[in-house]
C-alpha atoms as a PDB file:
ATOM      1  CA  MET A   1       0.000   0.000   0.000  1.00  0.00           C
ATOM      2  CA  ALA A   2       1.183   3.500  -0.737  1.00  0.00           C
ATOM      3  CA  GLU A   3       0.348   4.721   2.764  1.00  0.00           C
ATOM      4  CA  ALA A   4      -0.543   3.175   6.111  1.00  0.00           C
ATOM      5  CA  TYR A   5      -4.212   2.427   6.781  1.00  0.00           C
ATOM      6  CA  THR A   6      -5.893   2.663  10.179  1.00  0.00           C
ATOM      7  CA  PRO A   7      -9.243   0.881  10.412  1.00  0.00           C
ATOM      8  CA  ALA A   8     -12.238   2.599  11.970  1.00  0.00           C
ATOM      9  CA  PRO A   9     -15.674   1.284  12.975  1.00  0.00           C
ATOM     10  CA  PRO A  10     -18.391   1.839  10.362  1.00  0.00           C
ATOM     11  CA  GLU A  11     -20.856   4.707  10.746  1.00  0.00           C
ATOM     12  CA  GLY A  12     -23.947   3.713  12.704  1.00  0.00           C
ATOM     13  CA  GLY A  13     -22.159   1.188  14.899  1.00  0.00           C
ATOM     14  CA  GLY A  14     -20.751  -2.254  14.561  1.00  0.00           C
ATOM     15  CA  SER A  15     -17.209  -3.454  14.605  1.00  0.00           C
ATOM     16  CA  ASP A  16     -16.535  -5.025  11.204  1.00  0.00           C
ATOM     17  CA  GLU A  17     -15.058  -2.949   8.446  1.00  0.00           C
ATOM     18  CA  TYR A  18     -15.096  -4.214   4.894  1.00  0.00           C
ATOM     19  CA  TRP A  19     -12.422  -3.046   2.517  1.00  0.00           C
ATOM     20  CA  CYS A  20     -12.590  -3.850  -1.170  1.00  0.00           C
ATOM     21  CA  GLN A  21      -9.314  -4.167  -2.985  1.00  0.00           C
ATOM     22  CA  MET A  22      -8.811  -5.308  -6.550  1.00  0.00           C
ATOM     23  CA  ILE A  23      -5.863  -7.629  -7.088  1.00  0.00           C
ATOM     24  CA  ASP A  24      -4.652  -8.444 -10.583  1.00  0.00           C
ATOM     25  CA  PRO A  25      -2.977 -11.862 -10.624  1.00  0.00           C
ATOM     26  CA  GLY A  26      -1.092 -10.838 -13.784  1.00  0.00           C
ATOM     27  CA  LEU A  27      -2.247 -13.730 -15.941  1.00  0.00           C
ATOM     28  CA  THR A  28      -1.240 -13.225 -19.580  1.00  0.00           C
ATOM     29  CA  LYS A  29      -3.153 -16.161 -21.057  1.00  0.00           C
ATOM     30  CA  THR A  30      -6.224 -18.230 -20.227  1.00  0.00           C
ATOM     31  CA  ALA A  31      -5.610 -20.168 -17.030  1.00  0.00           C
ATOM     32  CA  PHE A  32      -7.355 -21.556 -13.956  1.00  0.00           C
ATOM     33  CA  LEU A  33      -6.654 -19.652 -10.746  1.00  0.00           C
ATOM     34  CA  THR A  34      -7.357 -22.321  -8.147  1.00  0.00           C
ATOM     35  CA  GLY A  35      -6.215 -20.613  -4.971  1.00  0.00           C
ATOM     36  CA  THR A  36      -4.803 -17.555  -3.302  1.00  0.00           C
ATOM     37  CA  GLN A  37      -3.151 -16.759   0.010  1.00  0.00           C
ATOM     38  CA  PHE A  38      -4.245 -13.974   2.347  1.00  0.00           C
ATOM     39  CA  ALA A  39      -1.505 -12.951   4.798  1.00  0.00           C
ATOM     40  CA  PRO A  40      -2.489  -9.917   6.924  1.00  0.00           C
ATOM     41  CA  GLU A  41       0.241  -8.067   8.779  1.00  0.00           C
ATOM     42  CA  ASN A  42      -1.941  -7.682  11.871  1.00  0.00           C
ATOM     43  CA  VAL A  43      -4.050 -10.800  12.443  1.00  0.00           C
ATOM     44  CA  ALA A  44      -5.655  -9.221  15.513  1.00  0.00           C
ATOM     45  CA  ILE A  45      -7.658  -6.879  13.286  1.00  0.00           C
ATOM     46  CA  ALA A  46      -7.613  -8.565   9.859  1.00  0.00           C
ATOM     47  CA  HIS A  47      -8.566 -12.165  10.351  1.00  0.00           C
ATOM     48  CA  HIS A  48     -10.265 -13.252   7.136  1.00  0.00           C
ATOM     49  CA  ALA A  49     -10.835 -12.354   3.508  1.00  0.00           C
ATOM     50  CA  VAL A  50     -13.708 -12.797   1.086  1.00  0.00           C
ATOM     51  CA  VAL A  51     -12.458 -13.113  -2.492  1.00  0.00           C
ATOM     52  CA  TYR A  52     -14.506 -12.729  -5.677  1.00  0.00           C
ATOM     53  CA  ALA A  53     -13.428 -13.192  -9.278  1.00  0.00           C
ATOM     54  CA  VAL A  54     -14.095 -10.227 -11.545  1.00  0.00           C
ATOM     55  CA  PRO A  55     -14.257 -11.138 -15.235  1.00  0.00           C
ATOM     56  CA  PRO A  56     -11.889  -9.125 -17.446  1.00  0.00           C
ATOM     57  CA  GLY A  57     -14.799  -7.143 -18.877  1.00  0.00           C
ATOM     58  CA  GLY A  58     -15.833  -6.032 -15.366  1.00  0.00           C
ATOM     59  CA  ALA A  59     -12.492  -4.667 -14.184  1.00  0.00           C
ATOM     60  CA  ALA A  60     -13.115  -1.190 -15.631  1.00  0.00           C
ATOM     61  CA  ALA A  61     -16.466  -0.911 -13.816  1.00  0.00           C
ATOM     62  CA  VAL A  62     -14.827  -1.895 -10.522  1.00  0.00           C
ATOM     63  CA  ARG A  63     -12.090   0.722 -10.992  1.00  0.00           C
ATOM     64  CA  GLU A  64     -14.699   3.358 -11.888  1.00  0.00           C
ATOM     65  CA  GLN A  65     -16.731   2.633  -8.741  1.00  0.00           C
ATOM     66  CA  ASP A  66     -13.552   2.647  -6.648  1.00  0.00           C
ATOM     67  CA  ALA A  67     -12.622   6.083  -7.981  1.00  0.00           C
ATOM     68  CA  LYS A  68     -15.976   7.448  -6.750  1.00  0.00           C
ATOM     69  CA  THR A  69     -15.326   6.566  -3.106  1.00  0.00           C
ATOM     70  CA  PRO A  70     -12.620   7.823  -0.740  1.00  0.00           C
END
């Protein structure tokens, strides 16, 4: 990450914070991606990940939505 991130509780209460991050596996040809590894630096606050596959045609829409939010 370009700069350090400090988590904060969501508005309206609760304790879980969800952070969406797009990760490009860098595949250059058709392939099966059968696994990934999530290794948080601070397991006390980041203890799991939910991963979704975005088809190549959807990447631009994800980046556009990301640009709209701080």
